């Protein structure tokens, strides 16, 4: 069964300025390596050999990085340039045909640093009959995240963005596995954002995969500094 990946990497990274005034967010270095490098590692380890990357802000260095990966790694990266940001769901709409000829597509928010085993995630998805899987992680700040409630079979029965009274601490990790049919369904929604527009449409027909390892959104200088402190012991 064949799998491709979409790396969402077009964000402005405004909270990481001034770094992101000259470096695209997805290439901000952590532990001396661009963040995208960790996801290329994860794709290789899961035997996912094709990935689409959306670009927008300072696309030139991303293209240079992609060229290097395509020459030296076992992953082929293709660019989807967005003159105006389309949103996470809008990128799917603009690339509907990317779901043709494969069984699953893994959608990854590339501004997270994670030791997620993408192969295990895809295996989990293939073992159930629902069209979508959302990766989850335990967060100490559930009121600041999108939070899922699961039943005994890991079916997501509720999902609320930044709930005032969270029902769990299981947060959206920004990684999804979609059947090709689900990819096309999302493309045809013409929606903008996964969290607010897409996920509600799949509640009750998607499963949650709980990741118990490391997962951090590199969205602020504080988070970047913590990741720098953490990374040496994680990716050696």
C-alpha atoms as a PDB file:
ATOM      1  CA  UNK A   1       0.000   0.000   0.000  1.00  0.00           C
ATOM      2  CA  UNK A   2       1.492   3.301  -1.086  1.00  0.00           C
ATOM      3  CA  UNK A   3       1.732   6.462   0.989  1.00  0.00           C
ATOM      4  CA  UNK A   4       2.699  10.069   0.261  1.00  0.00           C
ATOM      5  CA  UNK A   5       3.123  13.030   2.580  1.00  0.00           C
ATOM      6  CA  UNK A   6       2.225  16.714   2.613  1.00  0.00           C
ATOM      7  CA  UNK A   7       4.564  18.921   4.658  1.00  0.00           C
ATOM      8  CA  UNK A   8       2.829  22.168   5.573  1.00  0.00           C
ATOM      9  CA  UNK A   9       5.711  24.620   5.643  1.00  0.00           C
ATOM     10  CA  UNK A  10       4.478  27.917   4.238  1.00  0.00           C
ATOM     11  CA  UNK A  11       3.827  29.819   7.459  1.00  0.00           C
ATOM     12  CA  UNK A  12       5.256  33.258   8.206  1.00  0.00           C
ATOM     13  CA  UNK A  13       6.613  32.406  11.653  1.00  0.00           C
ATOM     14  CA  UNK A  14       5.817  35.872  12.971  1.00  0.00           C
ATOM     15  CA  UNK A  15       6.456  34.936  16.611  1.00  0.00           C
ATOM     16  CA  UNK A  16       9.991  33.864  15.710  1.00  0.00           C
ATOM     17  CA  UNK A  17      11.006  37.225  14.295  1.00  0.00           C
ATOM     18  CA  UNK A  18      13.652  38.508  13.700  1.00  0.00           C
ATOM     19  CA  UNK A  19      14.938  35.014  12.785  1.00  0.00           C
ATOM     20  CA  UNK A  20      12.130  34.487  10.270  1.00  0.00           C
ATOM     21  CA  UNK A  21      12.726  37.814   8.564  1.00  0.00           C
ATOM     22  CA  UNK A  22      15.581  36.133   6.705  1.00  0.00           C
ATOM     23  CA  UNK A  23      14.999  32.381   7.260  1.00  0.00           C
ATOM     24  CA  UNK A  24      11.741  30.574   6.396  1.00  0.00           C
ATOM     25  CA  UNK A  25      10.213  29.038   9.509  1.00  0.00           C
ATOM     26  CA  UNK A  26      10.569  25.459   8.280  1.00  0.00           C
ATOM     27  CA  UNK A  27      14.341  25.936   7.937  1.00  0.00           C
ATOM     28  CA  UNK A  28      14.936  27.523  11.347  1.00  0.00           C
ATOM     29  CA  UNK A  29      17.807  25.469  12.796  1.00  0.00           C
ATOM     30  CA  UNK A  30      17.305  23.243  15.827  1.00  0.00           C
ATOM     31  CA  UNK A  31      20.372  21.426  17.051  1.00  0.00           C
ATOM     32  CA  UNK A  32      22.282  22.718  14.045  1.00  0.00           C
ATOM     33  CA  UNK A  33      19.817  21.245  11.516  1.00  0.00           C
ATOM     34  CA  UNK A  34      16.822  22.806   9.753  1.00  0.00           C
ATOM     35  CA  UNK A  35      13.496  21.662  11.191  1.00  0.00           C
ATOM     36  CA  UNK A  36      12.545  20.079   7.877  1.00  0.00           C
ATOM     37  CA  UNK A  37      15.517  17.726   8.196  1.00  0.00           C
ATOM     38  CA  UNK A  38      13.896  15.892  11.093  1.00  0.00           C
ATOM     39  CA  UNK A  39      10.772  15.276   9.023  1.00  0.00           C
ATOM     40  CA  UNK A  40      12.814  14.027   6.062  1.00  0.00           C
ATOM     41  CA  UNK A  41      14.433  11.583   8.496  1.00  0.00           C
ATOM     42  CA  UNK A  42      10.999  10.467   9.699  1.00  0.00           C
ATOM     43  CA  UNK A  43       9.735   9.997   6.142  1.00  0.00           C
ATOM     44  CA  UNK A  44      12.777   7.907   5.213  1.00  0.00           C
ATOM     45  CA  UNK A  45      12.362   5.747   8.301  1.00  0.00           C
ATOM     46  CA  UNK A  46       8.722   5.115   7.348  1.00  0.00           C
ATOM     47  CA  UNK A  47       9.612   4.342   3.704  1.00  0.00           C
ATOM     48  CA  UNK A  48       7.569   7.304   2.469  1.00  0.00           C
ATOM     49  CA  UNK A  49       9.443   8.400  -0.634  1.00  0.00           C
ATOM     50  CA  UNK A  50       7.275  11.232  -2.017  1.00  0.00           C
ATOM     51  CA  UNK A  51       6.354  14.460  -0.273  1.00  0.00           C
ATOM     52  CA  UNK A  52       4.782  17.749  -1.304  1.00  0.00           C
ATOM     53  CA  UNK A  53       5.881  20.953   0.463  1.00  0.00           C
ATOM     54  CA  UNK A  54       3.858  24.145   0.317  1.00  0.00           C
ATOM     55  CA  UNK A  55       5.950  27.319   0.257  1.00  0.00           C
ATOM     56  CA  UNK A  56       5.159  31.011   0.552  1.00  0.00           C
ATOM     57  CA  UNK A  57       7.479  33.111   2.733  1.00  0.00           C
ATOM     58  CA  UNK A  58      11.088  33.318   1.443  1.00  0.00           C
ATOM     59  CA  UNK A  59      10.707  30.274  -0.847  1.00  0.00           C
ATOM     60  CA  UNK A  60      14.209  30.431  -2.356  1.00  0.00           C
ATOM     61  CA  UNK A  61      16.097  28.746   0.507  1.00  0.00           C
ATOM     62  CA  UNK A  62      13.396  26.062   0.717  1.00  0.00           C
ATOM     63  CA  UNK A  63      13.908  25.288  -2.977  1.00  0.00           C
ATOM     64  CA  UNK A  64      17.657  25.030  -2.427  1.00  0.00           C
ATOM     65  CA  UNK A  65      17.037  22.689   0.500  1.00  0.00           C
ATOM     66  CA  UNK A  66      14.643  20.572  -1.580  1.00  0.00           C
ATOM     67  CA  UNK A  67      17.194  20.263  -4.382  1.00  0.00           C
ATOM     68  CA  UNK A  68      19.771  18.992  -1.885  1.00  0.00           C
ATOM     69  CA  UNK A  69      17.354  16.441  -0.429  1.00  0.00           C
ATOM     70  CA  UNK A  70      16.327  15.226  -3.875  1.00  0.00           C
ATOM     71  CA  UNK A  71      19.977  14.597  -4.772  1.00  0.00           C
ATOM     72  CA  UNK A  72      21.097  12.952  -1.539  1.00  0.00           C
ATOM     73  CA  UNK A  73      18.159  11.393   0.289  1.00  0.00           C
ATOM     74  CA  UNK A  74      15.565   8.669  -0.344  1.00  0.00           C
ATOM     75  CA  UNK A  75      12.711  11.174  -0.393  1.00  0.00           C
ATOM     76  CA  UNK A  76      11.602  13.188  -3.423  1.00  0.00           C
ATOM     77  CA  UNK A  77      10.279  16.619  -2.468  1.00  0.00           C
ATOM     78  CA  UNK A  78       7.998  18.607  -4.768  1.00  0.00           C
ATOM     79  CA  UNK A  79       7.058  22.247  -4.241  1.00  0.00           C
ATOM     80  CA  UNK A  80       3.547  23.729  -4.143  1.00  0.00           C
ATOM     81  CA  UNK A  81       4.177  27.494  -4.136  1.00  0.00           C
ATOM     82  CA  UNK A  82       1.376  29.682  -2.774  1.00  0.00           C
ATOM     83  CA  UNK A  83       1.563  33.383  -3.727  1.00  0.00           C
ATOM     84  CA  UNK A  84      -1.070  33.888  -1.046  1.00  0.00           C
ATOM     85  CA  UNK A  85      -1.353  31.466   1.873  1.00  0.00           C
ATOM     86  CA  UNK A  86      -4.238  29.069   1.286  1.00  0.00           C
ATOM     87  CA  UNK A  87      -4.529  27.633   4.798  1.00  0.00           C
ATOM     88  CA  UNK A  88      -3.858  24.018   5.736  1.00  0.00           C
ATOM     89  CA  UNK A  89      -7.064  22.775   4.113  1.00  0.00           C
ATOM     90  CA  UNK A  90      -6.714  25.156   1.180  1.00  0.00           C
ATOM     91  CA  UNK A  91      -3.397  23.538   0.292  1.00  0.00           C
ATOM     92  CA  UNK A  92      -5.234  20.220  -0.045  1.00  0.00           C
ATOM     93  CA  UNK A  93      -7.849  21.853  -2.282  1.00  0.00           C
ATOM     94  CA  UNK A  94      -5.128  23.303  -4.522  1.00  0.00           C
ATOM     95  CA  UNK A  95      -3.416  19.910  -4.806  1.00  0.00           C
ATOM     96  CA  UNK A  96      -6.381  17.558  -5.146  1.00  0.00           C
ATOM     97  CA  UNK A  97      -4.587  15.330  -7.670  1.00  0.00           C
ATOM     98  CA  UNK A  98      -1.805  14.590  -5.162  1.00  0.00           C
ATOM     99  CA  UNK A  99      -4.141  11.974  -3.668  1.00  0.00           C
ATOM    100  CA  UNK A 100      -4.436  10.072  -6.933  1.00  0.00           C
ATOM    101  CA  UNK A 101      -2.720   6.702  -7.213  1.00  0.00           C
ATOM    102  CA  UNK A 102      -1.952   6.224  -3.504  1.00  0.00           C
ATOM    103  CA  UNK A 103      -3.724   4.654  -0.539  1.00  0.00           C
ATOM    104  CA  UNK A 104      -2.895   7.210   2.154  1.00  0.00           C
ATOM    105  CA  UNK A 105      -1.518  10.723   2.556  1.00  0.00           C
ATOM    106  CA  UNK A 106       0.199  11.814   5.772  1.00  0.00           C
ATOM    107  CA  UNK A 107      -0.339  15.530   6.453  1.00  0.00           C
ATOM    108  CA  UNK A 108       2.352  17.058   8.686  1.00  0.00           C
ATOM    109  CA  UNK A 109       2.653  20.515  10.194  1.00  0.00           C
ATOM    110  CA  UNK A 110       6.389  20.885   9.660  1.00  0.00           C
ATOM    111  CA  UNK A 111       6.917  23.512  12.368  1.00  0.00           C
ATOM    112  CA  UNK A 112       6.695  20.825  15.060  1.00  0.00           C
ATOM    113  CA  UNK A 113       9.702  18.959  16.410  1.00  0.00           C
ATOM    114  CA  UNK A 114       8.690  15.372  17.094  1.00  0.00           C
ATOM    115  CA  UNK A 115      10.065  11.856  17.382  1.00  0.00           C
ATOM    116  CA  UNK A 116       6.796  10.503  15.974  1.00  0.00           C
ATOM    117  CA  UNK A 117       7.146   7.096  14.309  1.00  0.00           C
ATOM    118  CA  UNK A 118       5.275   7.759  11.081  1.00  0.00           C
ATOM    119  CA  UNK A 119       5.422   4.090  10.103  1.00  0.00           C
ATOM    120  CA  UNK A 120       3.635   3.064  13.299  1.00  0.00           C
ATOM    121  CA  UNK A 121       1.095   5.849  12.749  1.00  0.00           C
ATOM    122  CA  UNK A 122       0.338   4.650   9.218  1.00  0.00           C
ATOM    123  CA  UNK A 123       0.087   1.033  10.436  1.00  0.00           C
ATOM    124  CA  UNK A 124      -2.435   2.146  13.067  1.00  0.00           C
ATOM    125  CA  UNK A 125      -4.464   3.907  10.388  1.00  0.00           C
ATOM    126  CA  UNK A 126      -4.483   0.867   8.118  1.00  0.00           C
ATOM    127  CA  UNK A 127      -5.740  -1.322  10.968  1.00  0.00           C
ATOM    128  CA  UNK A 128      -9.065   0.509  11.310  1.00  0.00           C
ATOM    129  CA  UNK A 129     -11.828   1.302   8.852  1.00  0.00           C
ATOM    130  CA  UNK A 130     -12.275   5.055   9.301  1.00  0.00           C
ATOM    131  CA  UNK A 131     -11.036   7.476   6.629  1.00  0.00           C
ATOM    132  CA  UNK A 132      -8.843   9.605   8.885  1.00  0.00           C
ATOM    133  CA  UNK A 133      -6.467   9.313  11.854  1.00  0.00           C
ATOM    134  CA  UNK A 134      -5.344  12.244  13.990  1.00  0.00           C
ATOM    135  CA  UNK A 135      -2.098  11.983  15.950  1.00  0.00           C
ATOM    136  CA  UNK A 136      -2.498  13.162  19.540  1.00  0.00           C
ATOM    137  CA  UNK A 137      -0.144  13.941  22.410  1.00  0.00           C
ATOM    138  CA  UNK A 138      -0.587  14.654  26.105  1.00  0.00           C
ATOM    139  CA  UNK A 139      -0.376  18.401  26.687  1.00  0.00           C
ATOM    140  CA  UNK A 140       0.080  20.203  30.016  1.00  0.00           C
ATOM    141  CA  UNK A 141      -1.914  23.133  28.563  1.00  0.00           C
ATOM    142  CA  UNK A 142      -5.190  21.685  27.206  1.00  0.00           C
ATOM    143  CA  UNK A 143      -6.998  25.026  27.215  1.00  0.00           C
ATOM    144  CA  UNK A 144      -4.469  26.317  24.666  1.00  0.00           C
ATOM    145  CA  UNK A 145      -4.820  23.428  22.176  1.00  0.00           C
ATOM    146  CA  UNK A 146      -7.334  21.568  20.076  1.00  0.00           C
ATOM    147  CA  UNK A 147      -8.489  18.761  22.379  1.00  0.00           C
ATOM    148  CA  UNK A 148      -9.974  15.381  21.421  1.00  0.00           C
ATOM    149  CA  UNK A 149     -12.171  13.018  23.412  1.00  0.00           C
ATOM    150  CA  UNK A 150     -11.834   9.299  22.590  1.00  0.00           C
ATOM    151  CA  UNK A 151     -14.014   6.282  23.203  1.00  0.00           C
ATOM    152  CA  UNK A 152     -12.689   2.801  24.079  1.00  0.00           C
ATOM    153  CA  UNK A 153     -11.891   2.070  20.421  1.00  0.00           C
ATOM    154  CA  UNK A 154      -9.944   5.320  19.900  1.00  0.00           C
ATOM    155  CA  UNK A 155     -12.790   6.860  17.927  1.00  0.00           C
ATOM    156  CA  UNK A 156     -12.709  10.642  18.267  1.00  0.00           C
ATOM    157  CA  UNK A 157     -16.132  11.525  19.616  1.00  0.00           C
ATOM    158  CA  UNK A 158     -15.492  15.228  20.200  1.00  0.00           C
ATOM    159  CA  UNK A 159     -12.934  17.829  19.197  1.00  0.00           C
ATOM    160  CA  UNK A 160     -12.830  21.380  20.558  1.00  0.00           C
ATOM    161  CA  UNK A 161     -10.314  24.113  19.776  1.00  0.00           C
ATOM    162  CA  UNK A 162      -8.969  25.740  22.959  1.00  0.00           C
ATOM    163  CA  UNK A 163     -11.783  24.563  25.254  1.00  0.00           C
ATOM    164  CA  UNK A 164     -12.522  26.480  28.449  1.00  0.00           C
ATOM    165  CA  UNK A 165     -13.280  23.175  30.194  1.00  0.00           C
ATOM    166  CA  UNK A 166     -11.165  20.482  28.483  1.00  0.00           C
ATOM    167  CA  UNK A 167     -12.497  16.922  28.616  1.00  0.00           C
ATOM    168  CA  UNK A 168      -9.006  15.431  28.208  1.00  0.00           C
ATOM    169  CA  UNK A 169      -5.368  16.402  27.787  1.00  0.00           C
ATOM    170  CA  UNK A 170      -5.088  14.776  24.353  1.00  0.00           C
ATOM    171  CA  UNK A 171      -4.093  17.531  21.942  1.00  0.00           C
ATOM    172  CA  UNK A 172      -3.983  17.625  18.172  1.00  0.00           C
ATOM    173  CA  UNK A 173      -0.373  16.986  17.152  1.00  0.00           C
ATOM    174  CA  UNK A 174      -0.805  18.468  13.684  1.00  0.00           C
ATOM    175  CA  UNK A 175      -0.239  15.126  11.961  1.00  0.00           C
ATOM    176  CA  UNK A 176      -3.017  13.285  10.114  1.00  0.00           C
ATOM    177  CA  UNK A 177      -3.301  10.186   7.973  1.00  0.00           C
ATOM    178  CA  UNK A 178      -5.986  10.374   5.303  1.00  0.00           C
ATOM    179  CA  UNK A 179      -7.349   7.753   2.962  1.00  0.00           C
ATOM    180  CA  UNK A 180      -7.215   8.997  -0.619  1.00  0.00           C
ATOM    181  CA  UNK A 181     -10.999   9.355  -0.528  1.00  0.00           C
ATOM    182  CA  UNK A 182     -10.769  11.576   2.548  1.00  0.00           C
ATOM    183  CA  UNK A 183      -8.116  13.704   0.817  1.00  0.00           C
ATOM    184  CA  UNK A 184     -10.480  14.269  -2.095  1.00  0.00           C
ATOM    185  CA  UNK A 185     -13.398  14.964   0.250  1.00  0.00           C
ATOM    186  CA  UNK A 186     -11.351  17.649   2.010  1.00  0.00           C
ATOM    187  CA  UNK A 187     -10.194  19.078  -1.310  1.00  0.00           C
ATOM    188  CA  UNK A 188     -13.801  19.407  -2.417  1.00  0.00           C
ATOM    189  CA  UNK A 189     -14.792  21.260   0.777  1.00  0.00           C
ATOM    190  CA  UNK A 190     -12.939  24.356  -0.373  1.00  0.00           C
ATOM    191  CA  UNK A 191     -12.133  24.989   3.290  1.00  0.00           C
ATOM    192  CA  UNK A 192      -9.279  26.993   4.832  1.00  0.00           C
ATOM    193  CA  UNK A 193      -8.145  25.417   8.106  1.00  0.00           C
ATOM    194  CA  UNK A 194      -7.932  21.812   9.318  1.00  0.00           C
ATOM    195  CA  UNK A 195      -8.619  22.550  12.970  1.00  0.00           C
ATOM    196  CA  UNK A 196     -11.654  24.754  12.521  1.00  0.00           C
ATOM    197  CA  UNK A 197     -13.080  23.616   9.169  1.00  0.00           C
ATOM    198  CA  UNK A 198     -12.096  20.002   8.449  1.00  0.00           C
ATOM    199  CA  UNK A 199     -11.870  18.197  11.794  1.00  0.00           C
ATOM    200  CA  UNK A 200     -15.511  18.880  12.814  1.00  0.00           C
ATOM    201  CA  UNK A 201     -16.637  17.134   9.624  1.00  0.00           C
ATOM    202  CA  UNK A 202     -14.735  13.970  10.590  1.00  0.00           C
ATOM    203  CA  UNK A 203     -15.663  13.715  14.282  1.00  0.00           C
ATOM    204  CA  UNK A 204     -17.250  10.317  14.752  1.00  0.00           C
ATOM    205  CA  UNK A 205     -15.410   8.822  11.778  1.00  0.00           C
ATOM    206  CA  UNK A 206     -11.753   9.303  12.621  1.00  0.00           C
ATOM    207  CA  UNK A 207      -9.493   7.622  15.144  1.00  0.00           C
ATOM    208  CA  UNK A 208      -6.954   9.097  17.528  1.00  0.00           C
ATOM    209  CA  UNK A 209      -3.400   7.773  17.714  1.00  0.00           C
ATOM    210  CA  UNK A 210      -1.740   8.783  20.984  1.00  0.00           C
ATOM    211  CA  UNK A 211       1.956   9.577  20.723  1.00  0.00           C
ATOM    212  CA  UNK A 212       3.752   9.210  24.047  1.00  0.00           C
ATOM    213  CA  UNK A 213       7.147  10.495  22.937  1.00  0.00           C
ATOM    214  CA  UNK A 214       8.494  13.991  22.295  1.00  0.00           C
ATOM    215  CA  UNK A 215       6.383  16.599  20.517  1.00  0.00           C
ATOM    216  CA  UNK A 216       6.823  20.369  20.548  1.00  0.00           C
ATOM    217  CA  UNK A 217       5.473  23.254  18.477  1.00  0.00           C
ATOM    218  CA  UNK A 218       8.441  25.472  17.587  1.00  0.00           C
ATOM    219  CA  UNK A 219       6.366  28.638  17.409  1.00  0.00           C
ATOM    220  CA  UNK A 220       8.061  30.977  19.866  1.00  0.00           C
ATOM    221  CA  UNK A 221      11.571  31.896  20.952  1.00  0.00           C
ATOM    222  CA  UNK A 222      10.912  30.209  24.297  1.00  0.00           C
ATOM    223  CA  UNK A 223       9.849  26.976  22.620  1.00  0.00           C
ATOM    224  CA  UNK A 224      12.821  27.102  20.244  1.00  0.00           C
ATOM    225  CA  UNK A 225      15.203  27.513  23.180  1.00  0.00           C
ATOM    226  CA  UNK A 226      13.625  24.535  24.947  1.00  0.00           C
ATOM    227  CA  UNK A 227      13.878  22.439  21.794  1.00  0.00           C
ATOM    228  CA  UNK A 228      17.575  23.316  21.532  1.00  0.00           C
ATOM    229  CA  UNK A 229      18.035  22.051  25.072  1.00  0.00           C
ATOM    230  CA  UNK A 230      16.069  18.862  24.361  1.00  0.00           C
ATOM    231  CA  UNK A 231      17.228  17.866  20.912  1.00  0.00           C
ATOM    232  CA  UNK A 232      20.651  16.405  21.697  1.00  0.00           C
ATOM    233  CA  UNK A 233      19.161  13.590  23.743  1.00  0.00           C
ATOM    234  CA  UNK A 234      16.412  12.838  21.214  1.00  0.00           C
ATOM    235  CA  UNK A 235      18.014  12.677  17.791  1.00  0.00           C
ATOM    236  CA  UNK A 236      21.469  11.210  18.167  1.00  0.00           C
END
